[in-house]
Structure formats: C-alpha cells, structure tokens
C-alpha cells in the first residue's frame, strides 16, 4: 500500500512543479526574428525533407510539430541561420 501512495505523491509533486510554456525559435536580432522566422522555418523544413528523402523510407515519416524540435537536419539548418530554440514560460500564444 505504501508504494502506490509514494508514486501518487511523486506524481502530484512533479505535476505541481511542472512549468507551463512552449519552445520557440529565437534570433539574436529581434527585428530579424519577427520578420523572417517563418521564412527560415519553411526553408529548413524543405531542406530537412530533401535530406531525409535520401534515407530509408521509415526515417522519412516523423510525428512532430511543423517547425518544432525533433529533426536533427532541421535543427542544424536553423542553427546555421543563427536561430536557437528557447523555452518561454507561460501559455503558448497563437501563431
């Protein structure tokens, strides 16, 4: 009986400590970021798709948000353009 209670308590503490927020691509130049974020995302998504198309078929399909983290080729392309993925606390804003 103690073990399930301990697990429940740990889940409760972890849930209370969880900070809501979202990940967003940030650029050092704020003016550039607002103007070109989606252009660079589209460009890097296209690049990642072309690179992945050269691999085995099972590697092409991935379940992730468009423009989000989870694809190394996409992330390297974005970082090459000067972007960094940062966690922003608080609720996610609509695009």
PDB file of N, CA and C in Angstrom:
ATOM      1  N   UNK A   1       0.818  -1.204   0.000  1.00  0.00           N
ATOM      2  CA  UNK A   1       0.000   0.000   0.000  1.00  0.00           C
ATOM      3  C   UNK A   1       0.861   1.267   0.000  1.00  0.00           C
ATOM      4  N   UNK A   2       2.048   1.165   0.601  1.00  0.00           N
ATOM      5  CA  UNK A   2       2.907   2.346   0.655  1.00  0.00           C
ATOM      6  C   UNK A   2       3.431   2.738  -0.726  1.00  0.00           C
ATOM      7  N   UNK A   3       3.785   1.748  -1.520  1.00  0.00           N
ATOM      8  CA  UNK A   3       4.377   2.028  -2.833  1.00  0.00           C
ATOM      9  C   UNK A   3       3.438   2.839  -3.737  1.00  0.00           C
ATOM     10  N   UNK A   4       2.153   2.451  -3.885  1.00  0.00           N
ATOM     11  CA  UNK A   4       1.267   3.270  -4.729  1.00  0.00           C
ATOM     12  C   UNK A   4       1.076   4.688  -4.193  1.00  0.00           C
ATOM     13  N   UNK A   5       1.071   4.839  -2.883  1.00  0.00           N
ATOM     14  CA  UNK A   5       0.910   6.175  -2.299  1.00  0.00           C
ATOM     15  C   UNK A   5       2.144   7.034  -2.576  1.00  0.00           C
ATOM     16  N   UNK A   6       3.321   6.416  -2.500  1.00  0.00           N
ATOM     17  CA  UNK A   6       4.554   7.149  -2.774  1.00  0.00           C
ATOM     18  C   UNK A   6       4.578   7.585  -4.240  1.00  0.00           C
ATOM     19  N   UNK A   7       4.188   6.682  -5.137  1.00  0.00           N
ATOM     20  CA  UNK A   7       4.146   7.017  -6.561  1.00  0.00           C
ATOM     21  C   UNK A   7       3.150   8.140  -6.809  1.00  0.00           C
ATOM     22  N   UNK A   8       1.989   8.056  -6.194  1.00  0.00           N
ATOM     23  CA  UNK A   8       0.972   9.098  -6.341  1.00  0.00           C
ATOM     24  C   UNK A   8       1.489  10.435  -5.816  1.00  0.00           C
ATOM     25  N   UNK A   9       2.160  10.414  -4.689  1.00  0.00           N
ATOM     26  CA  UNK A   9       2.721  11.640  -4.119  1.00  0.00           C
ATOM     27  C   UNK A   9       3.789  12.232  -5.047  1.00  0.00           C
ATOM     28  N   UNK A  10       4.646  11.378  -5.600  1.00  0.00           N
ATOM     29  CA  UNK A  10       5.673  11.867  -6.526  1.00  0.00           C
ATOM     30  C   UNK A  10       5.055  12.467  -7.781  1.00  0.00           C
ATOM     31  N   UNK A  11       4.011  11.832  -8.303  1.00  0.00           N
ATOM     32  CA  UNK A  11       3.328  12.387  -9.474  1.00  0.00           C
ATOM     33  C   UNK A  11       2.680  13.729  -9.154  1.00  0.00           C
ATOM     34  N   UNK A  12       2.117  13.854  -7.977  1.00  0.00           N
ATOM     35  CA  UNK A  12       1.492  15.108  -7.560  1.00  0.00           C
ATOM     36  C   UNK A  12       2.533  16.218  -7.445  1.00  0.00           C
ATOM     37  N   UNK A  13       3.660  15.917  -6.827  1.00  0.00           N
ATOM     38  CA  UNK A  13       4.727  16.914  -6.679  1.00  0.00           C
ATOM     39  C   UNK A  13       5.286  17.298  -8.053  1.00  0.00           C
ATOM     40  N   UNK A  14       5.490  16.320  -8.922  1.00  0.00           N
ATOM     41  CA  UNK A  14       6.007  16.609 -10.263  1.00  0.00           C
ATOM     42  C   UNK A  14       5.025  17.463 -11.050  1.00  0.00           C
ATOM     43  N   UNK A  15       3.733  17.194 -10.911  1.00  0.00           N
ATOM     44  CA  UNK A  15       2.720  17.985 -11.611  1.00  0.00           C
ATOM     45  C   UNK A  15       2.678  19.420 -11.129  1.00  0.00           C
ATOM     46  N   UNK A  16       2.875  19.622  -9.844  1.00  0.00           N
ATOM     47  CA  UNK A  16       2.869  20.979  -9.299  1.00  0.00           C
ATOM     48  C   UNK A  16       4.131  21.744  -9.700  1.00  0.00           C
ATOM     49  N   UNK A  17       5.225  21.036  -9.875  1.00  0.00           N
ATOM     50  CA  UNK A  17       6.485  21.688 -10.218  1.00  0.00           C
ATOM     51  C   UNK A  17       6.606  21.969 -11.709  1.00  0.00           C
ATOM     52  N   UNK A  18       5.780  21.323 -12.511  1.00  0.00           N
ATOM     53  CA  UNK A  18       5.855  21.493 -13.963  1.00  0.00           C
ATOM     54  C   UNK A  18       5.503  22.923 -14.334  1.00  0.00           C
ATOM     55  N   UNK A  19       6.326  23.523 -15.136  1.00  0.00           N
ATOM     56  CA  UNK A  19       6.121  24.907 -15.547  1.00  0.00           C
ATOM     57  C   UNK A  19       5.545  24.939 -16.959  1.00  0.00           C
ATOM     58  N   UNK A  20       4.349  25.520 -17.134  1.00  0.00           N
ATOM     59  CA  UNK A  20       3.791  25.591 -18.486  1.00  0.00           C
ATOM     60  C   UNK A  20       4.599  26.561 -19.345  1.00  0.00           C
ATOM     61  N   UNK A  21       4.621  26.276 -20.592  1.00  0.00           N
ATOM     62  CA  UNK A  21       5.348  27.133 -21.521  1.00  0.00           C
ATOM     63  C   UNK A  21       5.451  26.461 -22.868  1.00  0.00           C
ATOM     64  N   UNK A  22       6.289  26.997 -23.721  1.00  0.00           N
ATOM     65  CA  UNK A  22       6.469  26.434 -25.054  1.00  0.00           C
ATOM     66  C   UNK A  22       7.870  26.760 -25.566  1.00  0.00           C
ATOM     67  N   UNK A  23       8.282  25.996 -26.555  1.00  0.00           N
ATOM     68  CA  UNK A  23       9.571  26.212 -27.197  1.00  0.00           C
ATOM     69  C   UNK A  23       9.369  27.091 -28.418  1.00  0.00           C
ATOM     70  N   UNK A  24      10.303  27.990 -28.647  1.00  0.00           N
ATOM     71  CA  UNK A  24      10.189  28.880 -29.796  1.00  0.00           C
ATOM     72  C   UNK A  24      11.584  29.202 -30.325  1.00  0.00           C
ATOM     73  N   UNK A  25      11.680  29.277 -31.629  1.00  0.00           N
ATOM     74  CA  UNK A  25      12.945  29.655 -32.250  1.00  0.00           C
ATOM     75  C   UNK A  25      13.166  31.149 -32.044  1.00  0.00           C
ATOM     76  N   UNK A  26      14.323  31.508 -31.462  1.00  0.00           N
ATOM     77  CA  UNK A  26      14.672  32.898 -31.186  1.00  0.00           C
ATOM     78  C   UNK A  26      15.930  33.258 -31.972  1.00  0.00           C
ATOM     79  N   UNK A  27      15.992  34.496 -32.395  1.00  0.00           N
ATOM     80  CA  UNK A  27      17.165  35.004 -33.121  1.00  0.00           C
ATOM     81  C   UNK A  27      17.744  36.157 -32.310  1.00  0.00           C
ATOM     82  N   UNK A  28      19.074  36.309 -32.270  1.00  0.00           N
ATOM     83  CA  UNK A  28      19.662  37.414 -31.509  1.00  0.00           C
ATOM     84  C   UNK A  28      19.145  38.787 -31.940  1.00  0.00           C
ATOM     85  N   UNK A  29      18.861  38.942 -33.213  1.00  0.00           N
ATOM     86  CA  UNK A  29      18.330  40.203 -33.725  1.00  0.00           C
ATOM     87  C   UNK A  29      16.801  40.114 -33.721  1.00  0.00           C
ATOM     88  N   UNK A  30      16.155  40.780 -32.777  1.00  0.00           N
ATOM     89  CA  UNK A  30      14.698  40.674 -32.615  1.00  0.00           C
ATOM     90  C   UNK A  30      13.940  41.134 -33.861  1.00  0.00           C
ATOM     91  N   UNK A  31      14.422  42.174 -34.530  1.00  0.00           N
ATOM     92  CA  UNK A  31      13.748  42.659 -35.736  1.00  0.00           C
ATOM     93  C   UNK A  31      13.779  41.593 -36.829  1.00  0.00           C
ATOM     94  N   UNK A  32      14.931  40.953 -36.988  1.00  0.00           N
ATOM     95  CA  UNK A  32      15.059  39.876 -37.970  1.00  0.00           C
ATOM     96  C   UNK A  32      14.134  38.719 -37.600  1.00  0.00           C
ATOM     97  N   UNK A  33      14.073  38.407 -36.311  1.00  0.00           N
ATOM     98  CA  UNK A  33      13.269  37.272 -35.851  1.00  0.00           C
ATOM     99  C   UNK A  33      11.804  37.432 -36.227  1.00  0.00           C
ATOM    100  N   UNK A  34      11.237  38.592 -35.981  1.00  0.00           N
ATOM    101  CA  UNK A  34       9.821  38.794 -36.286  1.00  0.00           C
ATOM    102  C   UNK A  34       9.552  38.777 -37.781  1.00  0.00           C
ATOM    103  N   UNK A  35      10.497  39.241 -38.550  1.00  0.00           N
ATOM    104  CA  UNK A  35      10.287  39.374 -39.988  1.00  0.00           C
ATOM    105  C   UNK A  35      10.525  38.070 -40.751  1.00  0.00           C
ATOM    106  N   UNK A  36      11.478  37.277 -40.296  1.00  0.00           N
ATOM    107  CA  UNK A  36      11.916  36.137 -41.104  1.00  0.00           C
ATOM    108  C   UNK A  36      11.790  34.761 -40.439  1.00  0.00           C
ATOM    109  N   UNK A  37      11.176  34.669 -39.265  1.00  0.00           N
ATOM    110  CA  UNK A  37      11.076  33.383 -38.563  1.00  0.00           C
ATOM    111  C   UNK A  37      10.453  32.307 -39.447  1.00  0.00           C
ATOM    112  N   UNK A  38       9.262  32.574 -39.972  1.00  0.00           N
ATOM    113  CA  UNK A  38       8.558  31.549 -40.744  1.00  0.00           C
ATOM    114  C   UNK A  38       9.221  31.288 -42.091  1.00  0.00           C
ATOM    115  N   UNK A  39       9.843  32.284 -42.683  1.00  0.00           N
ATOM    116  CA  UNK A  39      10.559  32.052 -43.941  1.00  0.00           C
ATOM    117  C   UNK A  39      11.685  31.048 -43.724  1.00  0.00           C
ATOM    118  N   UNK A  40      12.445  31.247 -42.640  1.00  0.00           N
ATOM    119  CA  UNK A  40      13.548  30.338 -42.348  1.00  0.00           C
ATOM    120  C   UNK A  40      13.042  28.957 -41.944  1.00  0.00           C
ATOM    121  N   UNK A  41      11.921  28.900 -41.226  1.00  0.00           N
ATOM    122  CA  UNK A  41      11.337  27.604 -40.859  1.00  0.00           C
ATOM    123  C   UNK A  41      10.943  26.839 -42.117  1.00  0.00           C
ATOM    124  N   UNK A  42      10.257  27.496 -43.050  1.00  0.00           N
ATOM    125  CA  UNK A  42       9.857  26.831 -44.296  1.00  0.00           C
ATOM    126  C   UNK A  42      11.088  26.339 -45.069  1.00  0.00           C
ATOM    127  N   UNK A  43      12.104  27.188 -45.133  1.00  0.00           N
ATOM    128  CA  UNK A  43      13.328  26.842 -45.855  1.00  0.00           C
ATOM    129  C   UNK A  43      14.015  25.623 -45.233  1.00  0.00           C
ATOM    130  N   UNK A  44      14.106  25.602 -43.905  1.00  0.00           N
ATOM    131  CA  UNK A  44      14.780  24.494 -43.226  1.00  0.00           C
ATOM    132  C   UNK A  44      13.934  23.225 -43.229  1.00  0.00           C
ATOM    133  N   UNK A  45      12.615  23.354 -43.174  1.00  0.00           N
ATOM    134  CA  UNK A  45      11.753  22.171 -43.291  1.00  0.00           C
ATOM    135  C   UNK A  45      11.936  21.542 -44.666  1.00  0.00           C
ATOM    136  N   UNK A  46      12.013  22.361 -45.694  1.00  0.00           N
ATOM    137  CA  UNK A  46      12.221  21.854 -47.048  1.00  0.00           C
ATOM    138  C   UNK A  46      13.578  21.156 -47.152  1.00  0.00           C
ATOM    139  N   UNK A  47      14.589  21.772 -46.572  1.00  0.00           N
ATOM    140  CA  UNK A  47      15.928  21.170 -46.577  1.00  0.00           C
ATOM    141  C   UNK A  47      15.914  19.818 -45.856  1.00  0.00           C
ATOM    142  N   UNK A  48      15.298  19.762 -44.679  1.00  0.00           N
ATOM    143  CA  UNK A  48      15.254  18.515 -43.907  1.00  0.00           C
ATOM    144  C   UNK A  48      14.497  17.424 -44.662  1.00  0.00           C
ATOM    145  N   UNK A  49      13.444  17.796 -45.369  1.00  0.00           N
ATOM    146  CA  UNK A  49      12.682  16.824 -46.148  1.00  0.00           C
ATOM    147  C   UNK A  49      13.520  16.276 -47.305  1.00  0.00           C
ATOM    148  N   UNK A  50      14.265  17.154 -47.966  1.00  0.00           N
ATOM    149  CA  UNK A  50      15.119  16.703 -49.071  1.00  0.00           C
ATOM    150  C   UNK A  50      16.220  15.773 -48.570  1.00  0.00           C
ATOM    151  N   UNK A  51      16.814  16.095 -47.433  1.00  0.00           N
ATOM    152  CA  UNK A  51      17.872  15.255 -46.872  1.00  0.00           C
ATOM    153  C   UNK A  51      17.293  13.914 -46.421  1.00  0.00           C
ATOM    154  N   UNK A  52      16.128  13.933 -45.774  1.00  0.00           N
ATOM    155  CA  UNK A  52      15.503  12.702 -45.283  1.00  0.00           C
ATOM    156  C   UNK A  52      15.038  11.821 -46.433  1.00  0.00           C
ATOM    157  N   UNK A  53      14.710  12.408 -47.562  1.00  0.00           N
ATOM    158  CA  UNK A  53      14.246  11.632 -48.713  1.00  0.00           C
ATOM    159  C   UNK A  53      15.341  10.721 -49.253  1.00  0.00           C
ATOM    160  N   UNK A  54      16.587  11.042 -48.934  1.00  0.00           N
ATOM    161  CA  UNK A  54      17.703  10.214 -49.394  1.00  0.00           C
ATOM    162  C   UNK A  54      17.908   8.988 -48.512  1.00  0.00           C
ATOM    163  N   UNK A  55      17.239   8.958 -47.359  1.00  0.00           N
ATOM    164  CA  UNK A  55      17.414   7.854 -46.424  1.00  0.00           C
ATOM    165  C   UNK A  55      16.381   6.761 -46.618  1.00  0.00           C
ATOM    166  N   UNK A  56      16.368   5.794 -45.695  1.00  0.00           N
ATOM    167  CA  UNK A  56      15.382   4.714 -45.784  1.00  0.00           C
ATOM    168  C   UNK A  56      13.967   5.248 -45.567  1.00  0.00           C
ATOM    169  N   UNK A  57      12.949   4.597 -46.146  1.00  0.00           N
ATOM    170  CA  UNK A  57      11.570   5.107 -46.065  1.00  0.00           C
ATOM    171  C   UNK A  57      11.053   5.287 -44.646  1.00  0.00           C
ATOM    172  N   UNK A  58      11.451   4.412 -43.711  1.00  0.00           N
ATOM    173  CA  UNK A  58      10.934   4.536 -42.346  1.00  0.00           C
ATOM    174  C   UNK A  58      11.465   5.775 -41.642  1.00  0.00           C
ATOM    175  N   UNK A  59      12.562   6.342 -42.116  1.00  0.00           N
ATOM    176  CA  UNK A  59      13.138   7.532 -41.487  1.00  0.00           C
ATOM    177  C   UNK A  59      12.488   8.811 -41.990  1.00  0.00           C
ATOM    178  N   UNK A  60      11.703   8.726 -43.059  1.00  0.00           N
ATOM    179  CA  UNK A  60      11.121   9.930 -43.648  1.00  0.00           C
ATOM    180  C   UNK A  60       9.938  10.429 -42.836  1.00  0.00           C
ATOM    181  N   UNK A  61       9.102   9.534 -42.342  1.00  0.00           N
ATOM    182  CA  UNK A  61       7.905   9.943 -41.604  1.00  0.00           C
ATOM    183  C   UNK A  61       8.255  10.173 -40.145  1.00  0.00           C
ATOM    184  N   UNK A  62       7.884  11.323 -39.644  1.00  0.00           N
ATOM    185  CA  UNK A  62       8.134  11.668 -38.248  1.00  0.00           C
ATOM    186  C   UNK A  62       6.921  12.402 -37.710  1.00  0.00           C
ATOM    187  N   UNK A  63       6.568  12.096 -36.486  1.00  0.00           N
ATOM    188  CA  UNK A  63       5.448  12.788 -35.854  1.00  0.00           C
ATOM    189  C   UNK A  63       6.014  13.920 -34.999  1.00  0.00           C
ATOM    190  N   UNK A  64       5.935  15.133 -35.489  1.00  0.00           N
ATOM    191  CA  UNK A  64       6.392  16.305 -34.739  1.00  0.00           C
ATOM    192  C   UNK A  64       5.708  17.533 -35.308  1.00  0.00           C
ATOM    193  N   UNK A  65       5.710  18.602 -34.541  1.00  0.00           N
ATOM    194  CA  UNK A  65       5.111  19.855 -34.994  1.00  0.00           C
ATOM    195  C   UNK A  65       5.947  20.461 -36.115  1.00  0.00           C
ATOM    196  N   UNK A  66       5.271  21.057 -37.077  1.00  0.00           N
ATOM    197  CA  UNK A  66       5.962  21.736 -38.173  1.00  0.00           C
ATOM    198  C   UNK A  66       6.759  22.896 -37.593  1.00  0.00           C
ATOM    199  N   UNK A  67       8.029  22.936 -37.866  1.00  0.00           N
ATOM    200  CA  UNK A  67       8.884  23.997 -37.335  1.00  0.00           C
ATOM    201  C   UNK A  67       9.313  23.757 -35.905  1.00  0.00           C
ATOM    202  N   UNK A  68       9.020  22.601 -35.361  1.00  0.00           N
ATOM    203  CA  UNK A  68       9.379  22.291 -33.979  1.00  0.00           C
ATOM    204  C   UNK A  68      10.649  21.466 -33.895  1.00  0.00           C
ATOM    205  N   UNK A  69      11.022  21.103 -32.687  1.00  0.00           N
ATOM    206  CA  UNK A  69      12.236  20.334 -32.486  1.00  0.00           C
ATOM    207  C   UNK A  69      11.947  18.860 -32.756  1.00  0.00           C
ATOM    208  N   UNK A  70      12.995  18.089 -32.958  1.00  0.00           N
ATOM    209  CA  UNK A  70      12.842  16.663 -33.153  1.00  0.00           C
ATOM    210  C   UNK A  70      13.428  16.146 -34.449  1.00  0.00           C
ATOM    211  N   UNK A  71      13.935  17.020 -35.304  1.00  0.00           N
ATOM    212  CA  UNK A  71      14.571  16.597 -36.548  1.00  0.00           C
ATOM    213  C   UNK A  71      15.945  17.254 -36.582  1.00  0.00           C
ATOM    214  N   UNK A  72      16.977  16.440 -36.500  1.00  0.00           N
ATOM    215  CA  UNK A  72      18.335  16.969 -36.400  1.00  0.00           C
ATOM    216  C   UNK A  72      18.718  17.820 -37.607  1.00  0.00           C
ATOM    217  N   UNK A  73      18.335  17.384 -38.810  1.00  0.00           N
ATOM    218  CA  UNK A  73      18.677  18.163 -40.007  1.00  0.00           C
ATOM    219  C   UNK A  73      18.008  19.536 -39.974  1.00  0.00           C
ATOM    220  N   UNK A  74      16.748  19.579 -39.543  1.00  0.00           N
ATOM    221  CA  UNK A  74      16.033  20.853 -39.428  1.00  0.00           C
ATOM    222  C   UNK A  74      16.704  21.754 -38.391  1.00  0.00           C
ATOM    223  N   UNK A  75      17.014  21.170 -37.229  1.00  0.00           N
ATOM    224  CA  UNK A  75      17.623  21.959 -36.154  1.00  0.00           C
ATOM    225  C   UNK A  75      18.989  22.506 -36.561  1.00  0.00           C
ATOM    226  N   UNK A  76      19.791  21.691 -37.235  1.00  0.00           N
ATOM    227  CA  UNK A  76      21.109  22.165 -37.688  1.00  0.00           C
ATOM    228  C   UNK A  76      20.973  23.287 -38.709  1.00  0.00           C
ATOM    229  N   UNK A  77      19.978  23.188 -39.585  1.00  0.00           N
ATOM    230  CA  UNK A  77      19.738  24.246 -40.568  1.00  0.00           C
ATOM    231  C   UNK A  77      19.361  25.552 -39.858  1.00  0.00           C
ATOM    232  N   UNK A  78      18.447  25.470 -38.888  1.00  0.00           N
ATOM    233  CA  UNK A  78      18.020  26.676 -38.164  1.00  0.00           C
ATOM    234  C   UNK A  78      19.191  27.287 -37.392  1.00  0.00           C
ATOM    235  N   UNK A  79      19.979  26.442 -36.740  1.00  0.00           N
ATOM    236  CA  UNK A  79      21.131  26.954 -36.002  1.00  0.00           C
ATOM    237  C   UNK A  79      22.158  27.567 -36.947  1.00  0.00           C
ATOM    238  N   UNK A  80      22.274  27.018 -38.140  1.00  0.00           N
ATOM    239  CA  UNK A  80      23.180  27.581 -39.138  1.00  0.00           C
ATOM    240  C   UNK A  80      22.754  28.969 -39.591  1.00  0.00           C
ATOM    241  N   UNK A  81      21.452  29.256 -39.499  1.00  0.00           N
ATOM    242  CA  UNK A  81      20.942  30.582 -39.859  1.00  0.00           C
ATOM    243  C   UNK A  81      20.927  31.538 -38.661  1.00  0.00           C
ATOM    244  N   UNK A  82      21.457  31.085 -37.519  1.00  0.00           N
ATOM    245  CA  UNK A  82      21.582  31.954 -36.351  1.00  0.00           C
ATOM    246  C   UNK A  82      20.473  31.814 -35.324  1.00  0.00           C
ATOM    247  N   UNK A  83      19.567  30.852 -35.481  1.00  0.00           N
ATOM    248  CA  UNK A  83      18.452  30.678 -34.554  1.00  0.00           C
ATOM    249  C   UNK A  83      18.844  29.750 -33.411  1.00  0.00           C
ATOM    250  N   UNK A  84      18.197  29.927 -32.267  1.00  0.00           N
ATOM    251  CA  UNK A  84      18.355  28.989 -31.153  1.00  0.00           C
ATOM    252  C   UNK A  84      16.964  28.691 -30.595  1.00  0.00           C
ATOM    253  N   UNK A  85      16.773  27.463 -30.150  1.00  0.00           N
ATOM    254  CA  UNK A  85      15.489  27.038 -29.610  1.00  0.00           C
ATOM    255  C   UNK A  85      15.484  27.332 -28.119  1.00  0.00           C
ATOM    256  N   UNK A  86      14.534  28.167 -27.664  1.00  0.00           N
ATOM    257  CA  UNK A  86      14.482  28.574 -26.262  1.00  0.00           C
ATOM    258  C   UNK A  86      13.112  28.293 -25.680  1.00  0.00           C
ATOM    259  N   UNK A  87      13.096  27.959 -24.378  1.00  0.00           N
ATOM    260  CA  UNK A  87      11.847  27.703 -23.672  1.00  0.00           C
ATOM    261  C   UNK A  87      11.306  29.020 -23.128  1.00  0.00           C
ATOM    262  N   UNK A  88      10.063  29.333 -23.472  1.00  0.00           N
ATOM    263  CA  UNK A  88       9.410  30.545 -22.980  1.00  0.00           C
ATOM    264  C   UNK A  88       8.316  30.135 -22.006  1.00  0.00           C
ATOM    265  N   UNK A  89       8.449  30.506 -20.729  1.00  0.00           N
ATOM    266  CA  UNK A  89       7.425  30.128 -19.761  1.00  0.00           C
ATOM    267  C   UNK A  89       6.107  30.844 -20.029  1.00  0.00           C
ATOM    268  N   UNK A  90       5.031  30.242 -19.576  1.00  0.00           N
ATOM    269  CA  UNK A  90       3.702  30.822 -19.758  1.00  0.00           C
ATOM    270  C   UNK A  90       2.935  30.078 -20.828  1.00  0.00           C
ATOM    271  N   UNK A  91       1.733  30.537 -21.092  1.00  0.00           N
ATOM    272  CA  UNK A  91       0.886  29.874 -22.079  1.00  0.00           C
ATOM    273  C   UNK A  91       1.386  30.131 -23.487  1.00  0.00           C
ATOM    274  N   UNK A  92       1.120  29.173 -24.363  1.00  0.00           N
ATOM    275  CA  UNK A  92       1.520  29.295 -25.760  1.00  0.00           C
ATOM    276  C   UNK A  92       0.603  30.277 -26.464  1.00  0.00           C
ATOM    277  N   UNK A  93       1.216  31.220 -27.180  1.00  0.00           N
ATOM    278  CA  UNK A  93       0.431  32.182 -27.955  1.00  0.00           C
ATOM    279  C   UNK A  93       0.037  31.564 -29.275  1.00  0.00           C
ATOM    280  N   UNK A  94      -1.052  32.042 -29.822  1.00  0.00           N
ATOM    281  CA  UNK A  94      -1.445  31.553 -31.145  1.00  0.00           C
ATOM    282  C   UNK A  94      -0.511  32.146 -32.186  1.00  0.00           C
ATOM    283  N   UNK A  95      -0.343  31.438 -33.280  1.00  0.00           N
ATOM    284  CA  UNK A  95       0.568  31.888 -34.341  1.00  0.00           C
ATOM    285  C   UNK A  95      -0.134  32.913 -35.117  1.00  0.00           C
TER     286      UNK A  95
END
